Amino acid sequence: DEMLNMGFVDDIKEILSKTSRDKHTLFFSATMPKEILKIAKTFMNDYEIVSVKSTNETTNLTKQMYYNIKPKDRMEALHRIIDITDEFHGIVFCKTRLMVDEVTHKLISSNYEAAALHGDISQGQREKILGSFRRKKVKVLVATDVAARGIDVNDLTHVINFSLPQSPESYVHRIGRTGRAGKEGIAITFLIPSEKRKLRFIERIVKQELPKGTLPTIQEVLELKKK
């Protein structure tokens, strides 16, 4: 489904058109819009649709909250969260590749161990980055939703929504990267004024109201660094 979402519909049609009509085909998709059904009708013979009810559940091991923040203050907020956390190891989700690159560049420029992950990064480089992230040589992984699909790393302390995703399903998928294998985690959303309605929609879908958090003060960060 992500390949279709990324614009590979014509490529998939081309590949399927070259295959045998007698083959067995299993087609998995998180959603079933008209374009996907059209592919099934065209290339699959006597097919059946098997659907799984979506629960949109979030784990109790993940503490969720949001901070009301102005767009220009998001980097400062990210710095404070990282600085006040003992052994921060987390993923920062951004909406676009450009935003991922900008946030990563600013983090590295401020001497944070960070790396970017998005669709423009080759598979070989992606594997190297994930390897460094698993070994905690990279402490902050900045990623888009598409790149985050294959991430399976335990013991993450944080997931931070630098910007909200387009869908509640993506929100659940994002925060599911932490609070795993019996370990607690924290999911923080930076809520800018233009995204307030989107957050309310996500809360209705996941059937959970996110509490408003308080951003650590500069004084709190400085006091911690003195210890």
C-alpha atoms as a PDB file:
ATOM      1  CA  ASP A   1       0.000   0.000   0.000  1.00  0.00           C
ATOM      2  CA  GLU A   2       2.892   2.379   0.656  1.00  0.00           C
ATOM      3  CA  MET A   3       4.299   1.770  -2.830  1.00  0.00           C
ATOM      4  CA  LEU A   4       0.955   2.808  -4.285  1.00  0.00           C
ATOM      5  CA  ASN A   5       0.858   5.811  -1.977  1.00  0.00           C
ATOM      6  CA  MET A   6       4.308   6.841  -3.214  1.00  0.00           C
ATOM      7  CA  GLY A   7       3.241   6.859  -6.865  1.00  0.00           C
ATOM      8  CA  PHE A   8       4.337   3.425  -8.089  1.00  0.00           C
ATOM      9  CA  VAL A   9       0.898   2.432  -9.407  1.00  0.00           C
ATOM     10  CA  ASP A  10       1.997   2.331 -13.063  1.00  0.00           C
ATOM     11  CA  ASP A  11       5.100   0.301 -12.198  1.00  0.00           C
ATOM     12  CA  ILE A  12       3.035  -2.258 -10.284  1.00  0.00           C
ATOM     13  CA  LYS A  13       0.582  -2.536 -13.191  1.00  0.00           C
ATOM     14  CA  GLU A  14       3.473  -3.080 -15.605  1.00  0.00           C
ATOM     15  CA  ILE A  15       4.949  -5.865 -13.454  1.00  0.00           C
ATOM     16  CA  LEU A  16       1.600  -7.602 -12.940  1.00  0.00           C
ATOM     17  CA  SER A  17       0.810  -7.465 -16.680  1.00  0.00           C
ATOM     18  CA  LYS A  18       3.903  -9.618 -17.369  1.00  0.00           C
ATOM     19  CA  THR A  19       2.978 -12.367 -14.899  1.00  0.00           C
ATOM     20  CA  SER A  20       1.033 -15.584 -15.456  1.00  0.00           C
ATOM     21  CA  ARG A  21      -2.763 -15.486 -15.187  1.00  0.00           C
ATOM     22  CA  ASP A  22      -2.614 -18.813 -13.275  1.00  0.00           C
ATOM     23  CA  LYS A  23      -0.520 -17.491 -10.394  1.00  0.00           C
ATOM     24  CA  HIS A  24      -1.641 -17.298  -6.765  1.00  0.00           C
ATOM     25  CA  THR A  25      -1.745 -13.687  -5.589  1.00  0.00           C
ATOM     26  CA  LEU A  26      -2.026 -12.216  -2.100  1.00  0.00           C
ATOM     27  CA  PHE A  27      -2.588  -8.469  -2.008  1.00  0.00           C
ATOM     28  CA  PHE A  28      -2.153  -6.610   1.291  1.00  0.00           C
ATOM     29  CA  SER A  29      -3.216  -3.022   1.840  1.00  0.00           C
ATOM     30  CA  ALA A  30      -4.036  -0.970   4.942  1.00  0.00           C
ATOM     31  CA  THR A  31      -6.872   0.703   3.023  1.00  0.00           C
ATOM     32  CA  MET A  32      -8.892  -0.261  -0.019  1.00  0.00           C
ATOM     33  CA  PRO A  33      -9.524   2.822  -2.188  1.00  0.00           C
ATOM     34  CA  LYS A  34     -10.897   2.604  -5.753  1.00  0.00           C
ATOM     35  CA  GLU A  35      -7.448   2.588  -7.362  1.00  0.00           C
ATOM     36  CA  ILE A  36      -6.393  -0.489  -5.405  1.00  0.00           C
ATOM     37  CA  LEU A  37      -9.680  -2.310  -6.046  1.00  0.00           C
ATOM     38  CA  LYS A  38      -9.230  -1.557  -9.745  1.00  0.00           C
ATOM     39  CA  ILE A  39      -5.858  -3.324  -9.703  1.00  0.00           C
ATOM     40  CA  ALA A  40      -7.406  -6.339  -7.959  1.00  0.00           C
ATOM     41  CA  LYS A  41     -10.242  -6.567 -10.481  1.00  0.00           C
ATOM     42  CA  THR A  42      -7.832  -6.259 -13.407  1.00  0.00           C
ATOM     43  CA  PHE A  43      -5.082  -8.664 -12.362  1.00  0.00           C
ATOM     44  CA  MET A  44      -6.663 -11.092  -9.888  1.00  0.00           C
ATOM     45  CA  ASN A  45      -9.077 -13.759 -11.045  1.00  0.00           C
ATOM     46  CA  ASP A  46     -11.702 -15.031  -8.588  1.00  0.00           C
ATOM     47  CA  TYR A  47     -10.534 -12.986  -5.608  1.00  0.00           C
ATOM     48  CA  GLU A  48     -11.941 -12.653  -2.083  1.00  0.00           C
ATOM     49  CA  ILE A  49     -11.521  -9.702   0.285  1.00  0.00           C
ATOM     50  CA  VAL A  50     -10.489 -10.513   3.854  1.00  0.00           C
ATOM     51  CA  SER A  51     -10.588  -7.520   6.187  1.00  0.00           C
ATOM     52  CA  VAL A  52      -9.363  -7.066   9.739  1.00  0.00           C
ATOM     53  CA  LYS A  53     -11.188  -4.657  12.004  1.00  0.00           C
ATOM     54  CA  SER A  54      -9.043  -1.687  12.938  1.00  0.00           C
ATOM     55  CA  THR A  55      -8.949  -0.917  16.655  1.00  0.00           C
ATOM     56  CA  ASN A  56      -6.584   2.092  16.585  1.00  0.00           C
ATOM     57  CA  GLU A  57      -5.431   1.077  20.042  1.00  0.00           C
ATOM     58  CA  THR A  58      -2.423   2.647  21.716  1.00  0.00           C
ATOM     59  CA  THR A  59      -0.314   0.842  24.291  1.00  0.00           C
ATOM     60  CA  ASN A  60      -0.583   1.663  27.993  1.00  0.00           C
ATOM     61  CA  LEU A  61       3.201   1.523  28.180  1.00  0.00           C
ATOM     62  CA  THR A  62       3.439   4.727  26.151  1.00  0.00           C
ATOM     63  CA  LYS A  63       2.869   7.968  28.027  1.00  0.00           C
ATOM     64  CA  GLN A  64       1.331  10.428  25.570  1.00  0.00           C
ATOM     65  CA  MET A  65       1.193  14.216  25.793  1.00  0.00           C
ATOM     66  CA  TYR A  66       1.315  17.343  23.680  1.00  0.00           C
ATOM     67  CA  TYR A  67       2.947  20.751  24.017  1.00  0.00           C
ATOM     68  CA  ASN A  68       1.365  23.903  22.630  1.00  0.00           C
ATOM     69  CA  ILE A  69       4.199  25.413  20.620  1.00  0.00           C
ATOM     70  CA  LYS A  70       4.822  28.063  17.977  1.00  0.00           C
ATOM     71  CA  PRO A  71       6.424  26.694  14.784  1.00  0.00           C
ATOM     72  CA  LYS A  72       9.593  28.752  15.314  1.00  0.00           C
ATOM     73  CA  ASP A  73      10.042  27.297  18.832  1.00  0.00           C
ATOM     74  CA  ARG A  74       9.976  23.612  17.896  1.00  0.00           C
ATOM     75  CA  MET A  75      13.761  23.199  17.612  1.00  0.00           C
ATOM     76  CA  GLU A  76      14.311  24.805  21.013  1.00  0.00           C
ATOM     77  CA  ALA A  77      11.674  22.492  22.516  1.00  0.00           C
ATOM     78  CA  LEU A  78      13.376  19.476  20.932  1.00  0.00           C
ATOM     79  CA  HIS A  79      16.738  20.520  22.373  1.00  0.00           C
ATOM     80  CA  ARG A  80      15.277  20.843  25.870  1.00  0.00           C
ATOM     81  CA  ILE A  81      13.593  17.432  25.765  1.00  0.00           C
ATOM     82  CA  ILE A  82      16.789  15.732  24.611  1.00  0.00           C
ATOM     83  CA  ASP A  83      18.930  17.597  27.144  1.00  0.00           C
ATOM     84  CA  ILE A  84      16.697  16.825  30.122  1.00  0.00           C
ATOM     85  CA  THR A  85      16.419  13.123  29.284  1.00  0.00           C
ATOM     86  CA  ASP A  86      18.962  10.694  30.668  1.00  0.00           C
ATOM     87  CA  GLU A  87      20.268   8.664  27.693  1.00  0.00           C
ATOM     88  CA  PHE A  88      17.785   9.954  25.112  1.00  0.00           C
ATOM     89  CA  HIS A  89      17.224   7.432  22.316  1.00  0.00           C
ATOM     90  CA  GLY A  90      14.281   8.260  20.098  1.00  0.00           C
ATOM     91  CA  ILE A  91      12.661   9.049  16.766  1.00  0.00           C
ATOM     92  CA  VAL A  92      11.566  12.511  15.662  1.00  0.00           C
ATOM     93  CA  PHE A  93       8.829  12.352  13.020  1.00  0.00           C
ATOM     94  CA  CYS A  94       8.501  15.110  10.420  1.00  0.00           C
ATOM     95  CA  LYS A  95       5.970  15.662   7.652  1.00  0.00           C
ATOM     96  CA  THR A  96       8.347  16.110   4.690  1.00  0.00           C
ATOM     97  CA  ARG A  97      11.811  15.077   3.525  1.00  0.00           C
ATOM     98  CA  LEU A  98      12.886  18.710   3.495  1.00  0.00           C
ATOM     99  CA  MET A  99      11.847  19.140   7.125  1.00  0.00           C
ATOM    100  CA  VAL A 100      13.700  15.934   8.062  1.00  0.00           C
ATOM    101  CA  ASP A 101      16.900  17.247   6.466  1.00  0.00           C
ATOM    102  CA  GLU A 102      16.545  20.676   8.103  1.00  0.00           C
ATOM    103  CA  VAL A 103      15.929  19.280  11.593  1.00  0.00           C
ATOM    104  CA  THR A 104      18.781  16.775  11.255  1.00  0.00           C
ATOM    105  CA  HIS A 105      21.209  19.451  10.044  1.00  0.00           C
ATOM    106  CA  LYS A 106      20.332  21.736  12.965  1.00  0.00           C
ATOM    107  CA  LEU A 107      20.750  18.898  15.480  1.00  0.00           C
ATOM    108  CA  ILE A 108      24.143  17.861  14.099  1.00  0.00           C
ATOM    109  CA  SER A 109      25.241  21.519  14.033  1.00  0.00           C
ATOM    110  CA  SER A 110      24.405  21.648  17.761  1.00  0.00           C
ATOM    111  CA  ASN A 111      26.526  18.527  18.419  1.00  0.00           C
ATOM    112  CA  TYR A 112      23.685  16.038  18.804  1.00  0.00           C
ATOM    113  CA  GLU A 113      24.221  12.504  17.464  1.00  0.00           C
ATOM    114  CA  ALA A 114      21.489  12.571  14.825  1.00  0.00           C
ATOM    115  CA  ALA A 115      20.730  11.036  11.421  1.00  0.00           C
ATOM    116  CA  ALA A 116      18.025  11.436   8.781  1.00  0.00           C
ATOM    117  CA  LEU A 117      15.853   8.735   7.221  1.00  0.00           C
ATOM    118  CA  HIS A 118      13.511   9.338   4.281  1.00  0.00           C
ATOM    119  CA  GLY A 119      12.651   8.117   0.788  1.00  0.00           C
ATOM    120  CA  ASP A 120      15.649   9.746  -0.923  1.00  0.00           C
ATOM    121  CA  ILE A 121      18.128   7.672   1.091  1.00  0.00           C
ATOM    122  CA  SER A 122      19.422   4.501  -0.570  1.00  0.00           C
ATOM    123  CA  GLN A 123      18.739   1.081   0.909  1.00  0.00           C
ATOM    124  CA  GLY A 124      22.413   0.529   1.696  1.00  0.00           C
ATOM    125  CA  GLN A 125      22.736   3.843   3.510  1.00  0.00           C
ATOM    126  CA  ARG A 126      19.421   3.238   5.265  1.00  0.00           C
ATOM    127  CA  GLU A 127      20.693  -0.053   6.706  1.00  0.00           C
ATOM    128  CA  LYS A 128      23.888   1.619   7.941  1.00  0.00           C
ATOM    129  CA  ILE A 129      21.884   4.381   9.638  1.00  0.00           C
ATOM    130  CA  LEU A 130      19.530   1.895  11.302  1.00  0.00           C
ATOM    131  CA  GLY A 131      22.513  -0.181  12.439  1.00  0.00           C
ATOM    132  CA  SER A 132      24.062   2.889  14.084  1.00  0.00           C
ATOM    133  CA  PHE A 133      20.699   3.751  15.626  1.00  0.00           C
ATOM    134  CA  ARG A 134      20.276   0.269  17.101  1.00  0.00           C
ATOM    135  CA  ARG A 135      23.803   0.441  18.566  1.00  0.00           C
ATOM    136  CA  LYS A 136      22.956   3.895  19.963  1.00  0.00           C
ATOM    137  CA  LYS A 137      25.760   5.596  18.092  1.00  0.00           C
ATOM    138  CA  VAL A 138      22.922   7.648  16.648  1.00  0.00           C
ATOM    139  CA  LYS A 139      20.741   8.889  19.503  1.00  0.00           C
ATOM    140  CA  VAL A 140      18.185  10.883  17.484  1.00  0.00           C
ATOM    141  CA  LEU A 141      16.678   9.470  14.289  1.00  0.00           C
ATOM    142  CA  VAL A 142      14.708  12.035  12.278  1.00  0.00           C
ATOM    143  CA  ALA A 143      12.319  10.370   9.833  1.00  0.00           C
ATOM    144  CA  THR A 144       9.266  10.645   7.613  1.00  0.00           C
ATOM    145  CA  ASP A 145       6.337   8.233   7.968  1.00  0.00           C
ATOM    146  CA  VAL A 146       7.309   6.304   4.825  1.00  0.00           C
ATOM    147  CA  ALA A 147      10.858   5.691   6.061  1.00  0.00           C
ATOM    148  CA  ALA A 148       9.640   4.705   9.517  1.00  0.00           C
ATOM    149  CA  ARG A 149       7.628   1.713   8.255  1.00  0.00           C
ATOM    150  CA  GLY A 150      10.517  -0.715   8.556  1.00  0.00           C
ATOM    151  CA  ILE A 151      11.980   0.523  11.834  1.00  0.00           C
ATOM    152  CA  ASP A 152      12.062  -2.167  14.521  1.00  0.00           C
ATOM    153  CA  VAL A 153      14.199  -0.898  17.395  1.00  0.00           C
ATOM    154  CA  ASN A 154      13.452  -1.674  21.030  1.00  0.00           C
ATOM    155  CA  ASP A 155      14.148   0.403  24.150  1.00  0.00           C
ATOM    156  CA  LEU A 156      13.365   3.792  22.620  1.00  0.00           C
ATOM    157  CA  THR A 157      12.835   6.421  25.287  1.00  0.00           C
ATOM    158  CA  HIS A 158      10.875   8.836  23.087  1.00  0.00           C
ATOM    159  CA  VAL A 159       8.852   9.339  19.963  1.00  0.00           C
ATOM    160  CA  ILE A 160       8.411  13.001  19.113  1.00  0.00           C
ATOM    161  CA  ASN A 161       5.896  14.272  16.577  1.00  0.00           C
ATOM    162  CA  PHE A 162       7.697  17.355  15.319  1.00  0.00           C
ATOM    163  CA  SER A 163       4.628  17.727  13.103  1.00  0.00           C
ATOM    164  CA  LEU A 164       1.380  15.759  13.202  1.00  0.00           C
ATOM    165  CA  PRO A 165       0.760  13.011  10.633  1.00  0.00           C
ATOM    166  CA  GLN A 166      -2.057  13.169   8.090  1.00  0.00           C
ATOM    167  CA  SER A 167      -4.013  10.263   9.581  1.00  0.00           C
ATOM    168  CA  PRO A 168      -4.814   8.809  13.030  1.00  0.00           C
ATOM    169  CA  GLU A 169      -3.477   5.444  11.814  1.00  0.00           C
ATOM    170  CA  SER A 170      -0.089   7.021  11.181  1.00  0.00           C
ATOM    171  CA  TYR A 171      -0.159   8.561  14.659  1.00  0.00           C
ATOM    172  CA  VAL A 172      -0.768   5.134  16.228  1.00  0.00           C
ATOM    173  CA  HIS A 173       1.996   3.632  14.091  1.00  0.00           C
ATOM    174  CA  ARG A 174       4.426   6.390  15.067  1.00  0.00           C
ATOM    175  CA  ILE A 175       3.969   6.176  18.821  1.00  0.00           C
ATOM    176  CA  GLY A 176       4.023   2.379  18.619  1.00  0.00           C
ATOM    177  CA  ARG A 177       7.793   2.629  18.052  1.00  0.00           C
ATOM    178  CA  THR A 178       8.197   3.196  21.811  1.00  0.00           C
ATOM    179  CA  GLY A 179       6.573   1.502  24.822  1.00  0.00           C
ATOM    180  CA  ARG A 180       7.440  -1.967  23.516  1.00  0.00           C
ATOM    181  CA  ALA A 181       8.586  -5.307  24.941  1.00  0.00           C
ATOM    182  CA  GLY A 182       7.441  -4.370  28.429  1.00  0.00           C
ATOM    183  CA  LYS A 183       9.438  -1.115  28.462  1.00  0.00           C
ATOM    184  CA  GLU A 184       7.785   2.250  29.063  1.00  0.00           C
ATOM    185  CA  GLY A 185       8.191   5.118  26.603  1.00  0.00           C
ATOM    186  CA  ILE A 186       7.088   8.703  26.047  1.00  0.00           C
ATOM    187  CA  ALA A 187       5.308  10.098  22.987  1.00  0.00           C
ATOM    188  CA  ILE A 188       5.319  13.884  22.681  1.00  0.00           C
ATOM    189  CA  THR A 189       3.466  15.902  20.066  1.00  0.00           C
ATOM    190  CA  PHE A 190       4.449  19.465  19.210  1.00  0.00           C
ATOM    191  CA  LEU A 191       1.083  21.087  18.580  1.00  0.00           C
ATOM    192  CA  ILE A 192       1.269  24.270  16.527  1.00  0.00           C
ATOM    193  CA  PRO A 193      -1.859  26.485  16.270  1.00  0.00           C
ATOM    194  CA  SER A 194      -2.746  25.378  12.720  1.00  0.00           C
ATOM    195  CA  GLU A 195      -2.893  21.689  13.744  1.00  0.00           C
ATOM    196  CA  LYS A 196      -5.246  21.889  16.745  1.00  0.00           C
ATOM    197  CA  ARG A 197      -8.271  20.593  14.823  1.00  0.00           C
ATOM    198  CA  LYS A 198      -6.209  17.694  13.508  1.00  0.00           C
ATOM    199  CA  LEU A 199      -5.281  16.677  17.054  1.00  0.00           C
ATOM    200  CA  ARG A 200      -8.943  16.700  18.129  1.00  0.00           C
ATOM    201  CA  PHE A 201      -9.738  14.404  15.189  1.00  0.00           C
ATOM    202  CA  ILE A 202      -6.954  11.999  16.159  1.00  0.00           C
ATOM    203  CA  GLU A 203      -8.231  11.943  19.756  1.00  0.00           C
ATOM    204  CA  ARG A 204     -11.731  10.999  18.587  1.00  0.00           C
ATOM    205  CA  ILE A 205     -10.422   8.177  16.427  1.00  0.00           C
ATOM    206  CA  VAL A 206      -8.084   6.688  19.051  1.00  0.00           C
ATOM    207  CA  LYS A 207     -10.725   7.320  21.754  1.00  0.00           C
ATOM    208  CA  GLN A 208      -8.244   8.960  24.047  1.00  0.00           C
ATOM    209  CA  GLU A 209      -7.716  12.561  25.118  1.00  0.00           C
ATOM    210  CA  LEU A 210      -4.071  13.576  25.100  1.00  0.00           C
ATOM    211  CA  PRO A 211      -2.981  15.525  28.195  1.00  0.00           C
ATOM    212  CA  LYS A 212      -1.272  18.866  27.768  1.00  0.00           C
ATOM    213  CA  GLY A 213       2.329  18.748  28.938  1.00  0.00           C
ATOM    214  CA  THR A 214       4.647  21.432  30.252  1.00  0.00           C
ATOM    215  CA  LEU A 215       7.868  22.038  28.368  1.00  0.00           C
ATOM    216  CA  PRO A 216      10.992  21.865  30.570  1.00  0.00           C
ATOM    217  CA  THR A 217      12.331  25.327  31.347  1.00  0.00           C
ATOM    218  CA  ILE A 218      15.855  26.460  30.488  1.00  0.00           C
ATOM    219  CA  GLN A 219      16.574  26.630  34.224  1.00  0.00           C
ATOM    220  CA  GLU A 220      15.527  22.987  34.679  1.00  0.00           C
ATOM    221  CA  VAL A 221      17.825  21.941  31.837  1.00  0.00           C
ATOM    222  CA  LEU A 222      20.753  23.931  33.278  1.00  0.00           C
ATOM    223  CA  GLU A 223      20.202  22.483  36.764  1.00  0.00           C
ATOM    224  CA  LEU A 224      20.261  18.949  35.363  1.00  0.00           C
ATOM    225  CA  LYS A 225      23.486  19.617  33.459  1.00  0.00           C
ATOM    226  CA  LYS A 226      25.148  20.728  36.690  1.00  0.00           C
ATOM    227  CA  LYS A 227      24.634  17.305  38.270  1.00  0.00           C
END
